[in-house]
Amino acid sequence: MCRADGVPERSYGEREARRLDALTRIIYPMKDTRMTMRLAKSFTIEPDINEYVDETKGDRSASDRVNELLRRAMLQEQYDRLETEAAAFFRDTKADRDEARAFQKASLRSFGRD
């Protein structure tokens, strides 16, 4: 909608955002940064793992290398769970196939009568 002077009306959220920007003098666009923030945590690492990280980190920081290794471990665990789930799903296919054959034979007999 437009006002009488031809300027489009802004929604309540747009007006509030502009008011907040004017009050706090924020010039940059605001965006949600919760996903990009890093959390500082403290964990105890065994000496042999620490040595491995130091040997394989290259130019990166040890923290980045540990994060990379943890991501790989998480993916591996997900793949292992999916593999277990797939094995459980396909374990009963022989019984399903026997039922499908019986149904197929019954259908063929039914078609033969027609």
PDB file of N, CA and C in Angstrom:
ATOM      1  N   MET A   1       0.848  -1.175   0.000  1.00  0.00           N
ATOM      2  CA  MET A   1       0.000   0.000   0.000  1.00  0.00           C
ATOM      3  C   MET A   1       0.891   1.235   0.000  1.00  0.00           C
ATOM      4  N   CYS A   2       0.338   2.308  -0.476  1.00  0.00           N
ATOM      5  CA  CYS A   2       1.074   3.563  -0.518  1.00  0.00           C
ATOM      6  C   CYS A   2       0.362   4.603   0.327  1.00  0.00           C
ATOM      7  N   ARG A   3       1.165   5.509   0.854  1.00  0.00           N
ATOM      8  CA  ARG A   3       0.579   6.633   1.578  1.00  0.00           C
ATOM      9  C   ARG A   3       0.083   7.649   0.564  1.00  0.00           C
ATOM     10  N   ALA A   4      -0.531   8.726   1.055  1.00  0.00           N
ATOM     11  CA  ALA A   4      -1.082   9.755   0.177  1.00  0.00           C
ATOM     12  C   ALA A   4       0.000  10.415  -0.669  1.00  0.00           C
ATOM     13  N   ASP A   5       1.227  10.499  -0.152  1.00  0.00           N
ATOM     14  CA  ASP A   5       2.289  11.161  -0.915  1.00  0.00           C
ATOM     15  C   ASP A   5       2.999  10.210  -1.878  1.00  0.00           C
ATOM     16  N   GLY A   6       2.511   8.954  -2.005  1.00  0.00           N
ATOM     17  CA  GLY A   6       3.063   8.014  -2.966  1.00  0.00           C
ATOM     18  C   GLY A   6       4.192   7.157  -2.431  1.00  0.00           C
ATOM     19  N   VAL A   7       4.583   7.359  -1.178  1.00  0.00           N
ATOM     20  CA  VAL A   7       5.654   6.567  -0.582  1.00  0.00           C
ATOM     21  C   VAL A   7       5.056   5.266  -0.057  1.00  0.00           C
ATOM     22  N   PRO A   8       5.655   4.116  -0.403  1.00  0.00           N
ATOM     23  CA  PRO A   8       5.080   2.838   0.069  1.00  0.00           C
ATOM     24  C   PRO A   8       5.196   2.704   1.588  1.00  0.00           C
ATOM     25  N   GLU A   9       4.155   2.135   2.165  1.00  0.00           N
ATOM     26  CA  GLU A   9       4.171   1.900   3.612  1.00  0.00           C
ATOM     27  C   GLU A   9       5.064   0.712   3.918  1.00  0.00           C
ATOM     28  N   ARG A  10       5.741   0.792   5.065  1.00  0.00           N
ATOM     29  CA  ARG A  10       6.598  -0.310   5.490  1.00  0.00           C
ATOM     30  C   ARG A  10       5.857  -1.129   6.540  1.00  0.00           C
ATOM     31  N   SER A  11       6.207  -2.417   6.591  1.00  0.00           N
ATOM     32  CA  SER A  11       5.597  -3.288   7.588  1.00  0.00           C
ATOM     33  C   SER A  11       6.115  -2.927   8.969  1.00  0.00           C
ATOM     34  N   TYR A  12       5.443  -3.440   9.980  1.00  0.00           N
ATOM     35  CA  TYR A  12       5.843  -3.169  11.355  1.00  0.00           C
ATOM     36  C   TYR A  12       7.278  -3.614  11.608  1.00  0.00           C
ATOM     37  N   GLY A  13       7.641  -4.801  11.102  1.00  0.00           N
ATOM     38  CA  GLY A  13       8.995  -5.315  11.293  1.00  0.00           C
ATOM     39  C   GLY A  13      10.043  -4.421  10.649  1.00  0.00           C
ATOM     40  N   GLU A  14       9.741  -3.916   9.435  1.00  0.00           N
ATOM     41  CA  GLU A  14      10.684  -3.027   8.762  1.00  0.00           C
ATOM     42  C   GLU A  14      10.839  -1.721   9.530  1.00  0.00           C
ATOM     43  N   ARG A  15       9.712  -1.185  10.044  1.00  0.00           N
ATOM     44  CA  ARG A  15       9.781   0.059  10.822  1.00  0.00           C
ATOM     45  C   ARG A  15      10.585  -0.154  12.094  1.00  0.00           C
ATOM     46  N   GLU A  16      10.356  -1.295  12.774  1.00  0.00           N
ATOM     47  CA  GLU A  16      11.084  -1.571  14.012  1.00  0.00           C
ATOM     48  C   GLU A  16      12.572  -1.764  13.737  1.00  0.00           C
ATOM     49  N   ALA A  17      12.910  -2.443  12.655  1.00  0.00           N
ATOM     50  CA  ALA A  17      14.310  -2.654  12.318  1.00  0.00           C
ATOM     51  C   ALA A  17      14.993  -1.324  12.036  1.00  0.00           C
ATOM     52  N   ARG A  18      14.308  -0.442  11.300  1.00  0.00           N
ATOM     53  CA  ARG A  18      14.888   0.870  11.011  1.00  0.00           C
ATOM     54  C   ARG A  18      15.040   1.682  12.294  1.00  0.00           C
ATOM     55  N   ARG A  19      14.047   1.590  13.181  1.00  0.00           N
ATOM     56  CA  ARG A  19      14.119   2.337  14.431  1.00  0.00           C
ATOM     57  C   ARG A  19      15.288   1.833  15.272  1.00  0.00           C
ATOM     58  N   LEU A  20      15.444   0.500  15.336  1.00  0.00           N
ATOM     59  CA  LEU A  20      16.571  -0.058  16.079  1.00  0.00           C
ATOM     60  C   LEU A  20      17.898   0.381  15.475  1.00  0.00           C
ATOM     61  N   ASP A  21      17.977   0.366  14.147  1.00  0.00           N
ATOM     62  CA  ASP A  21      19.203   0.789  13.483  1.00  0.00           C
ATOM     63  C   ASP A  21      19.506   2.252  13.795  1.00  0.00           C
ATOM     64  N   ALA A  22      18.473   3.076  13.783  1.00  0.00           N
ATOM     65  CA  ALA A  22      18.677   4.497  14.044  1.00  0.00           C
ATOM     66  C   ALA A  22      19.103   4.720  15.491  1.00  0.00           C
ATOM     67  N   LEU A  23      18.514   3.961  16.415  1.00  0.00           N
ATOM     68  CA  LEU A  23      18.854   4.147  17.824  1.00  0.00           C
ATOM     69  C   LEU A  23      20.243   3.637  18.152  1.00  0.00           C
ATOM     70  N   THR A  24      20.633   2.529  17.553  1.00  0.00           N
ATOM     71  CA  THR A  24      21.936   1.947  17.877  1.00  0.00           C
ATOM     72  C   THR A  24      23.019   2.346  16.880  1.00  0.00           C
ATOM     73  N   ARG A  25      22.632   3.080  15.855  1.00  0.00           N
ATOM     74  CA  ARG A  25      23.546   3.552  14.813  1.00  0.00           C
ATOM     75  C   ARG A  25      24.274   2.392  14.119  1.00  0.00           C
ATOM     76  N   ILE A  26      23.518   1.322  13.853  1.00  0.00           N
ATOM     77  CA  ILE A  26      24.079   0.181  13.132  1.00  0.00           C
ATOM     78  C   ILE A  26      23.953   0.452  11.647  1.00  0.00           C
ATOM     79  N   ILE A  27      25.060   0.381  10.941  1.00  0.00           N
ATOM     80  CA  ILE A  27      25.065   0.673   9.513  1.00  0.00           C
ATOM     81  C   ILE A  27      25.089  -0.613   8.694  1.00  0.00           C
ATOM     82  N   TYR A  28      25.687  -1.665   9.221  1.00  0.00           N
ATOM     83  CA  TYR A  28      25.824  -2.918   8.483  1.00  0.00           C
ATOM     84  C   TYR A  28      24.519  -3.717   8.563  1.00  0.00           C
ATOM     85  N   PRO A  29      24.274  -4.590   7.580  1.00  0.00           N
ATOM     86  CA  PRO A  29      23.064  -5.428   7.639  1.00  0.00           C
ATOM     87  C   PRO A  29      23.199  -6.480   8.738  1.00  0.00           C
ATOM     88  N   MET A  30      22.134  -6.629   9.498  1.00  0.00           N
ATOM     89  CA  MET A  30      22.163  -7.612  10.573  1.00  0.00           C
ATOM     90  C   MET A  30      21.807  -8.983  10.020  1.00  0.00           C
ATOM     91  N   LYS A  31      22.450 -10.000  10.513  1.00  0.00           N
ATOM     92  CA  LYS A  31      22.098 -11.355  10.135  1.00  0.00           C
ATOM     93  C   LYS A  31      22.329 -12.273  11.320  1.00  0.00           C
ATOM     94  N   ASP A  32      21.756 -13.433  11.249  1.00  0.00           N
ATOM     95  CA  ASP A  32      21.868 -14.386  12.334  1.00  0.00           C
ATOM     96  C   ASP A  32      23.250 -15.032  12.297  1.00  0.00           C
ATOM     97  N   THR A  33      24.026 -14.864  13.357  1.00  0.00           N
ATOM     98  CA  THR A  33      25.384 -15.399  13.379  1.00  0.00           C
ATOM     99  C   THR A  33      25.528 -16.560  14.340  1.00  0.00           C
ATOM    100  N   ARG A  34      24.428 -17.069  14.867  1.00  0.00           N
ATOM    101  CA  ARG A  34      24.537 -18.173  15.819  1.00  0.00           C
ATOM    102  C   ARG A  34      25.194 -19.398  15.220  1.00  0.00           C
ATOM    103  N   MET A  35      24.984 -19.654  13.937  1.00  0.00           N
ATOM    104  CA  MET A  35      25.532 -20.851  13.306  1.00  0.00           C
ATOM    105  C   MET A  35      27.029 -20.726  13.044  1.00  0.00           C
ATOM    106  N   THR A  36      27.536 -19.489  12.930  1.00  0.00           N
ATOM    107  CA  THR A  36      28.940 -19.326  12.604  1.00  0.00           C
ATOM    108  C   THR A  36      29.812 -19.112  13.836  1.00  0.00           C
ATOM    109  N   MET A  37      29.207 -18.967  14.978  1.00  0.00           N
ATOM    110  CA  MET A  37      29.993 -18.750  16.194  1.00  0.00           C
ATOM    111  C   MET A  37      30.638 -20.056  16.637  1.00  0.00           C
ATOM    112  N   ARG A  38      31.819 -19.952  17.190  1.00  0.00           N
ATOM    113  CA  ARG A  38      32.509 -21.117  17.719  1.00  0.00           C
ATOM    114  C   ARG A  38      32.350 -21.136  19.226  1.00  0.00           C
ATOM    115  N   LEU A  39      32.235 -22.311  19.771  1.00  0.00           N
ATOM    116  CA  LEU A  39      32.132 -22.474  21.210  1.00  0.00           C
ATOM    117  C   LEU A  39      33.478 -22.921  21.758  1.00  0.00           C
ATOM    118  N   ALA A  40      33.914 -22.278  22.802  1.00  0.00           N
ATOM    119  CA  ALA A  40      35.165 -22.682  23.437  1.00  0.00           C
ATOM    120  C   ALA A  40      34.847 -23.772  24.449  1.00  0.00           C
ATOM    121  N   LYS A  41      35.366 -24.955  24.219  1.00  0.00           N
ATOM    122  CA  LYS A  41      35.164 -26.084  25.120  1.00  0.00           C
ATOM    123  C   LYS A  41      36.523 -26.635  25.505  1.00  0.00           C
ATOM    124  N   SER A  42      36.546 -27.337  26.582  1.00  0.00           N
ATOM    125  CA  SER A  42      37.791 -27.921  27.050  1.00  0.00           C
ATOM    126  C   SER A  42      37.610 -29.431  27.176  1.00  0.00           C
ATOM    127  N   PHE A  43      38.485 -30.188  26.514  1.00  0.00           N
ATOM    128  CA  PHE A  43      38.443 -31.637  26.567  1.00  0.00           C
ATOM    129  C   PHE A  43      39.839 -32.155  26.886  1.00  0.00           C
ATOM    130  N   THR A  44      39.883 -33.319  27.475  1.00  0.00           N
ATOM    131  CA  THR A  44      41.163 -33.953  27.745  1.00  0.00           C
ATOM    132  C   THR A  44      41.479 -34.893  26.581  1.00  0.00           C
ATOM    133  N   ILE A  45      42.664 -34.713  25.999  1.00  0.00           N
ATOM    134  CA  ILE A  45      43.071 -35.520  24.853  1.00  0.00           C
ATOM    135  C   ILE A  45      44.252 -36.376  25.272  1.00  0.00           C
ATOM    136  N   GLU A  46      44.200 -37.637  24.880  1.00  0.00           N
ATOM    137  CA  GLU A  46      45.295 -38.548  25.198  1.00  0.00           C
ATOM    138  C   GLU A  46      46.557 -38.120  24.459  1.00  0.00           C
ATOM    139  N   PRO A  47      47.722 -38.385  25.034  1.00  0.00           N
ATOM    140  CA  PRO A  47      48.993 -37.939  24.425  1.00  0.00           C
ATOM    141  C   PRO A  47      49.208 -38.462  23.006  1.00  0.00           C
ATOM    142  N   ASP A  48      48.859 -39.720  22.732  1.00  0.00           N
ATOM    143  CA  ASP A  48      49.091 -40.242  21.379  1.00  0.00           C
ATOM    144  C   ASP A  48      48.186 -39.560  20.360  1.00  0.00           C
ATOM    145  N   ILE A  49      46.978 -39.191  20.762  1.00  0.00           N
ATOM    146  CA  ILE A  49      46.080 -38.467  19.853  1.00  0.00           C
ATOM    147  C   ILE A  49      46.632 -37.068  19.604  1.00  0.00           C
ATOM    148  N   ASN A  50      47.128 -36.441  20.656  1.00  0.00           N
ATOM    149  CA  ASN A  50      47.704 -35.108  20.519  1.00  0.00           C
ATOM    150  C   ASN A  50      48.909 -35.131  19.581  1.00  0.00           C
ATOM    151  N   GLU A  51      49.739 -36.144  19.693  1.00  0.00           N
ATOM    152  CA  GLU A  51      50.893 -36.278  18.794  1.00  0.00           C
ATOM    153  C   GLU A  51      50.439 -36.450  17.350  1.00  0.00           C
ATOM    154  N   TYR A  52      49.416 -37.274  17.143  1.00  0.00           N
ATOM    155  CA  TYR A  52      48.898 -37.490  15.790  1.00  0.00           C
ATOM    156  C   TYR A  52      48.388 -36.174  15.203  1.00  0.00           C
ATOM    157  N   VAL A  53      47.649 -35.406  15.990  1.00  0.00           N
ATOM    158  CA  VAL A  53      47.125 -34.122  15.512  1.00  0.00           C
ATOM    159  C   VAL A  53      48.276 -33.192  15.165  1.00  0.00           C
ATOM    160  N   ASP A  54      49.286 -33.122  16.021  1.00  0.00           N
ATOM    161  CA  ASP A  54      50.438 -32.255  15.757  1.00  0.00           C
ATOM    162  C   ASP A  54      51.176 -32.665  14.489  1.00  0.00           C
ATOM    163  N   GLU A  55      51.282 -33.969  14.247  1.00  0.00           N
ATOM    164  CA  GLU A  55      51.989 -34.463  13.057  1.00  0.00           C
ATOM    165  C   GLU A  55      51.216 -34.209  11.776  1.00  0.00           C
ATOM    166  N   THR A  56      49.881 -34.212  11.848  1.00  0.00           N
ATOM    167  CA  THR A  56      49.070 -34.148  10.634  1.00  0.00           C
ATOM    168  C   THR A  56      48.392 -32.806  10.394  1.00  0.00           C
ATOM    169  N   LYS A  57      48.588 -31.838  11.259  1.00  0.00           N
ATOM    170  CA  LYS A  57      47.852 -30.584  11.114  1.00  0.00           C
ATOM    171  C   LYS A  57      48.357 -29.711   9.982  1.00  0.00           C
ATOM    172  N   GLY A  58      49.628 -29.817   9.631  1.00  0.00           N
ATOM    173  CA  GLY A  58      50.170 -29.002   8.547  1.00  0.00           C
ATOM    174  C   GLY A  58      50.194 -27.538   8.934  1.00  0.00           C
ATOM    175  N   ASP A  59      49.694 -26.677   8.029  1.00  0.00           N
ATOM    176  CA  ASP A  59      49.684 -25.233   8.272  1.00  0.00           C
ATOM    177  C   ASP A  59      48.504 -24.783   9.127  1.00  0.00           C
ATOM    178  N   ARG A  60      47.541 -25.670   9.298  1.00  0.00           N
ATOM    179  CA  ARG A  60      46.332 -25.302  10.047  1.00  0.00           C
ATOM    180  C   ARG A  60      46.598 -25.348  11.541  1.00  0.00           C
ATOM    181  N   SER A  61      45.630 -24.821  12.286  1.00  0.00           N
ATOM    182  CA  SER A  61      45.743 -24.893  13.740  1.00  0.00           C
ATOM    183  C   SER A  61      45.327 -26.288  14.205  1.00  0.00           C
ATOM    184  N   ALA A  62      45.768 -26.645  15.383  1.00  0.00           N
ATOM    185  CA  ALA A  62      45.400 -27.944  15.948  1.00  0.00           C
ATOM    186  C   ALA A  62      43.895 -28.038  16.146  1.00  0.00           C
ATOM    187  N   SER A  63      43.276 -26.919  16.502  1.00  0.00           N
ATOM    188  CA  SER A  63      41.822 -26.899  16.698  1.00  0.00           C
ATOM    189  C   SER A  63      41.089 -27.240  15.398  1.00  0.00           C
ATOM    190  N   ASP A  64      41.535 -26.643  14.288  1.00  0.00           N
ATOM    191  CA  ASP A  64      40.912 -26.944  12.996  1.00  0.00           C
ATOM    192  C   ASP A  64      41.090 -28.411  12.625  1.00  0.00           C
ATOM    193  N   ARG A  65      42.276 -28.962  12.894  1.00  0.00           N
ATOM    194  CA  ARG A  65      42.536 -30.372  12.574  1.00  0.00           C
ATOM    195  C   ARG A  65      41.660 -31.290  13.417  1.00  0.00           C
ATOM    196  N   VAL A  66      41.526 -30.978  14.704  1.00  0.00           N
ATOM    197  CA  VAL A  66      40.668 -31.787  15.585  1.00  0.00           C
ATOM    198  C   VAL A  66      39.224 -31.714  15.116  1.00  0.00           C
ATOM    199  N   ASN A  67      38.760 -30.512  14.730  1.00  0.00           N
ATOM    200  CA  ASN A  67      37.387 -30.379  14.223  1.00  0.00           C
ATOM    201  C   ASN A  67      37.181 -31.200  12.960  1.00  0.00           C
ATOM    202  N   GLU A  68      38.171 -31.201  12.068  1.00  0.00           N
ATOM    203  CA  GLU A  68      38.070 -31.998  10.846  1.00  0.00           C
ATOM    204  C   GLU A  68      37.984 -33.496  11.174  1.00  0.00           C
ATOM    205  N   LEU A  69      38.834 -33.947  12.081  1.00  0.00           N
ATOM    206  CA  LEU A  69      38.814 -35.365  12.464  1.00  0.00           C
ATOM    207  C   LEU A  69      37.497 -35.744  13.126  1.00  0.00           C
ATOM    208  N   LEU A  70      36.962 -34.862  13.954  1.00  0.00           N
ATOM    209  CA  LEU A  70      35.678 -35.151  14.598  1.00  0.00           C
ATOM    210  C   LEU A  70      34.538 -35.203  13.584  1.00  0.00           C
ATOM    211  N   ARG A  71      34.571 -34.308  12.588  1.00  0.00           N
ATOM    212  CA  ARG A  71      33.532 -34.348  11.541  1.00  0.00           C
ATOM    213  C   ARG A  71      33.596 -35.675  10.778  1.00  0.00           C
ATOM    214  N   ARG A  72      34.820 -36.106  10.457  1.00  0.00           N
ATOM    215  CA  ARG A  72      34.969 -37.389   9.758  1.00  0.00           C
ATOM    216  C   ARG A  72      34.455 -38.541  10.609  1.00  0.00           C
ATOM    217  N   ALA A  73      34.752 -38.502  11.906  1.00  0.00           N
ATOM    218  CA  ALA A  73      34.278 -39.560  12.800  1.00  0.00           C
ATOM    219  C   ALA A  73      32.758 -39.553  12.892  1.00  0.00           C
ATOM    220  N   MET A  74      32.171 -38.361  12.922  1.00  0.00           N
ATOM    221  CA  MET A  74      30.709 -38.278  12.962  1.00  0.00           C
ATOM    222  C   MET A  74      30.092 -38.867  11.699  1.00  0.00           C
ATOM    223  N   LEU A  75      30.661 -38.531  10.538  1.00  0.00           N
ATOM    224  CA  LEU A  75      30.152 -39.090   9.279  1.00  0.00           C
ATOM    225  C   LEU A  75      30.301 -40.603   9.251  1.00  0.00           C
ATOM    226  N   GLN A  76      31.425 -41.096   9.727  1.00  0.00           N
ATOM    227  CA  GLN A  76      31.647 -42.543   9.749  1.00  0.00           C
ATOM    228  C   GLN A  76      30.616 -43.238  10.631  1.00  0.00           C
ATOM    229  N   GLU A  77      30.319 -42.659  11.785  1.00  0.00           N
ATOM    230  CA  GLU A  77      29.301 -43.242  12.660  1.00  0.00           C
ATOM    231  C   GLU A  77      27.936 -43.234  11.992  1.00  0.00           C
ATOM    232  N   GLN A  78      27.619 -42.145  11.276  1.00  0.00           N
ATOM    233  CA  GLN A  78      26.335 -42.092  10.560  1.00  0.00           C
ATOM    234  C   GLN A  78      26.272 -43.173   9.489  1.00  0.00           C
ATOM    235  N   TYR A  79      27.362 -43.342   8.731  1.00  0.00           N
ATOM    236  CA  TYR A  79      27.393 -44.393   7.710  1.00  0.00           C
ATOM    237  C   TYR A  79      27.248 -45.770   8.338  1.00  0.00           C
ATOM    238  N   ASP A  80      27.900 -45.991   9.469  1.00  0.00           N
ATOM    239  CA  ASP A  80      27.788 -47.283  10.155  1.00  0.00           C
ATOM    240  C   ASP A  80      26.352 -47.545  10.595  1.00  0.00           C
ATOM    241  N   ARG A  81      25.693 -46.527  11.131  1.00  0.00           N
ATOM    242  CA  ARG A  81      24.285 -46.696  11.545  1.00  0.00           C
ATOM    243  C   ARG A  81      23.398 -46.986  10.340  1.00  0.00           C
ATOM    244  N   LEU A  82      23.631 -46.256   9.231  1.00  0.00           N
ATOM    245  CA  LEU A  82      22.837 -46.500   8.021  1.00  0.00           C
ATOM    246  C   LEU A  82      23.068 -47.902   7.480  1.00  0.00           C
ATOM    247  N   GLU A  83      24.305 -48.365   7.533  1.00  0.00           N
ATOM    248  CA  GLU A  83      24.618 -49.710   7.066  1.00  0.00           C
ATOM    249  C   GLU A  83      23.902 -50.757   7.916  1.00  0.00           C
ATOM    250  N   THR A  84      23.893 -50.551   9.222  1.00  0.00           N
ATOM    251  CA  THR A  84      23.190 -51.467  10.124  1.00  0.00           C
ATOM    252  C   THR A  84      21.692 -51.454   9.846  1.00  0.00           C
ATOM    253  N   GLU A  85      21.154 -50.242   9.627  1.00  0.00           N
ATOM    254  CA  GLU A  85      19.727 -50.118   9.333  1.00  0.00           C
ATOM    255  C   GLU A  85      19.381 -50.784   8.006  1.00  0.00           C
ATOM    256  N   ALA A  86      20.229 -50.610   7.001  1.00  0.00           N
ATOM    257  CA  ALA A  86      19.990 -51.231   5.696  1.00  0.00           C
ATOM    258  C   ALA A  86      20.064 -52.751   5.803  1.00  0.00           C
ATOM    259  N   ALA A  87      21.028 -53.255   6.579  1.00  0.00           N
ATOM    260  CA  ALA A  87      21.145 -54.706   6.758  1.00  0.00           C
ATOM    261  C   ALA A  87      19.897 -55.261   7.431  1.00  0.00           C
ATOM    262  N   ALA A  88      19.374 -54.547   8.426  1.00  0.00           N
ATOM    263  CA  ALA A  88      18.155 -54.993   9.101  1.00  0.00           C
ATOM    264  C   ALA A  88      16.963 -54.947   8.149  1.00  0.00           C
ATOM    265  N   PHE A  89      16.923 -53.927   7.288  1.00  0.00           N
ATOM    266  CA  PHE A  89      15.814 -53.789   6.346  1.00  0.00           C
ATOM    267  C   PHE A  89      15.821 -54.913   5.310  1.00  0.00           C
ATOM    268  N   PHE A  90      16.995 -55.233   4.774  1.00  0.00           N
ATOM    269  CA  PHE A  90      17.074 -56.228   3.713  1.00  0.00           C
ATOM    270  C   PHE A  90      17.202 -57.657   4.231  1.00  0.00           C
ATOM    271  N   ARG A  91      17.310 -57.833   5.525  1.00  0.00           N
ATOM    272  CA  ARG A  91      17.427 -59.168   6.095  1.00  0.00           C
ATOM    273  C   ARG A  91      16.174 -60.000   5.827  1.00  0.00           C
ATOM    274  N   ASP A  92      15.022 -59.359   5.817  1.00  0.00           N
ATOM    275  CA  ASP A  92      13.758 -60.074   5.658  1.00  0.00           C
ATOM    276  C   ASP A  92      13.292 -60.150   4.214  1.00  0.00           C
ATOM    277  N   THR A  93      14.142 -59.866   3.251  1.00  0.00           N
ATOM    278  CA  THR A  93      13.709 -59.861   1.855  1.00  0.00           C
ATOM    279  C   THR A  93      13.398 -61.262   1.346  1.00  0.00           C
ATOM    280  N   LYS A  94      14.055 -62.291   1.859  1.00  0.00           N
ATOM    281  CA  LYS A  94      13.767 -63.643   1.412  1.00  0.00           C
ATOM    282  C   LYS A  94      12.338 -64.031   1.749  1.00  0.00           C
ATOM    283  N   ALA A  95      11.899 -63.710   2.944  1.00  0.00           N
ATOM    284  CA  ALA A  95      10.521 -64.005   3.327  1.00  0.00           C
ATOM    285  C   ALA A  95       9.557 -63.212   2.457  1.00  0.00           C
ATOM    286  N   ASP A  96       9.907 -61.948   2.170  1.00  0.00           N
ATOM    287  CA  ASP A  96       9.057 -61.127   1.305  1.00  0.00           C
ATOM    288  C   ASP A  96       9.011 -61.706  -0.096  1.00  0.00           C
ATOM    289  N   ARG A  97      10.140 -62.222  -0.570  1.00  0.00           N
ATOM    290  CA  ARG A  97      10.188 -62.795  -1.919  1.00  0.00           C
ATOM    291  C   ARG A  97       9.328 -64.057  -1.997  1.00  0.00           C
ATOM    292  N   ASP A  98       9.368 -64.882  -0.943  1.00  0.00           N
ATOM    293  CA  ASP A  98       8.521 -66.078  -0.921  1.00  0.00           C
ATOM    294  C   ASP A  98       7.044 -65.698  -0.970  1.00  0.00           C
ATOM    295  N   GLU A  99       6.678 -64.667  -0.233  1.00  0.00           N
ATOM    296  CA  GLU A  99       5.287 -64.209  -0.255  1.00  0.00           C
ATOM    297  C   GLU A  99       4.922 -63.668  -1.630  1.00  0.00           C
ATOM    298  N   ALA A 100       5.847 -62.952  -2.269  1.00  0.00           N
ATOM    299  CA  ALA A 100       5.581 -62.403  -3.591  1.00  0.00           C
ATOM    300  C   ALA A 100       5.399 -63.519  -4.611  1.00  0.00           C
ATOM    301  N   ARG A 101       6.207 -64.584  -4.504  1.00  0.00           N
ATOM    302  CA  ARG A 101       6.058 -65.724  -5.424  1.00  0.00           C
ATOM    303  C   ARG A 101       4.704 -66.402  -5.239  1.00  0.00           C
ATOM    304  N   ALA A 102       4.293 -66.589  -3.989  1.00  0.00           N
ATOM    305  CA  ALA A 102       2.994 -67.213  -3.731  1.00  0.00           C
ATOM    306  C   ALA A 102       1.875 -66.356  -4.315  1.00  0.00           C
ATOM    307  N   PHE A 103       1.975 -65.048  -4.148  1.00  0.00           N
ATOM    308  CA  PHE A 103       0.964 -64.151  -4.694  1.00  0.00           C
ATOM    309  C   PHE A 103       0.962 -64.214  -6.215  1.00  0.00           C
ATOM    310  N   GLN A 104       2.151 -64.278  -6.804  1.00  0.00           N
ATOM    311  CA  GLN A 104       2.269 -64.355  -8.255  1.00  0.00           C
ATOM    312  C   GLN A 104       1.634 -65.646  -8.788  1.00  0.00           C
ATOM    313  N   LYS A 105       1.893 -66.766  -8.130  1.00  0.00           N
ATOM    314  CA  LYS A 105       1.305 -68.041  -8.560  1.00  0.00           C
ATOM    315  C   LYS A 105      -0.217 -68.004  -8.454  1.00  0.00           C
ATOM    316  N   ALA A 106      -0.724 -67.436  -7.361  1.00  0.00           N
ATOM    317  CA  ALA A 106      -2.172 -67.344  -7.183  1.00  0.00           C
ATOM    318  C   ALA A 106      -2.782 -66.450  -8.248  1.00  0.00           C
ATOM    319  N   SER A 107      -2.092 -65.395  -8.608  1.00  0.00           N
ATOM    320  CA  SER A 107      -2.596 -64.485  -9.650  1.00  0.00           C
ATOM    321  C   SER A 107      -2.624 -65.189 -10.996  1.00  0.00           C
ATOM    322  N   LEU A 108      -1.589 -65.980 -11.292  1.00  0.00           N
ATOM    323  CA  LEU A 108      -1.571 -66.686 -12.566  1.00  0.00           C
ATOM    324  C   LEU A 108      -2.688 -67.723 -12.656  1.00  0.00           C
ATOM    325  N   ARG A 109      -2.950 -68.417 -11.520  1.00  0.00           N
ATOM    326  CA  ARG A 109      -4.075 -69.367 -11.509  1.00  0.00           C
ATOM    327  C   ARG A 109      -5.389 -68.649 -11.720  1.00  0.00           C
ATOM    328  N   SER A 110      -5.529 -67.467 -11.113  1.00  0.00           N
ATOM    329  CA  SER A 110      -6.749 -66.691 -11.252  1.00  0.00           C
ATOM    330  C   SER A 110      -6.928 -66.236 -12.699  1.00  0.00           C
ATOM    331  N   PHE A 111      -5.835 -65.801 -13.351  1.00  0.00           N
ATOM    332  CA  PHE A 111      -5.918 -65.389 -14.743  1.00  0.00           C
ATOM    333  C   PHE A 111      -6.258 -66.564 -15.646  1.00  0.00           C
ATOM    334  N   GLY A 112      -5.767 -67.752 -15.296  1.00  0.00           N
ATOM    335  CA  GLY A 112      -6.045 -68.953 -16.085  1.00  0.00           C
ATOM    336  C   GLY A 112      -7.508 -69.328 -16.040  1.00  0.00           C
ATOM    337  N   ARG A 113      -8.177 -69.055 -14.940  1.00  0.00           N
ATOM    338  CA  ARG A 113      -9.609 -69.385 -14.837  1.00  0.00           C
ATOM    339  C   ARG A 113     -10.461 -68.426 -15.631  1.00  0.00           C
ATOM    340  N   ASP A 114      -9.975 -67.191 -15.771  1.00  0.00           N
ATOM    341  CA  ASP A 114     -10.780 -66.182 -16.486  1.00  0.00           C
ATOM    342  C   ASP A 114     -10.770 -66.355 -17.927  1.00  0.00           C
TER     343      ASP A 114
END
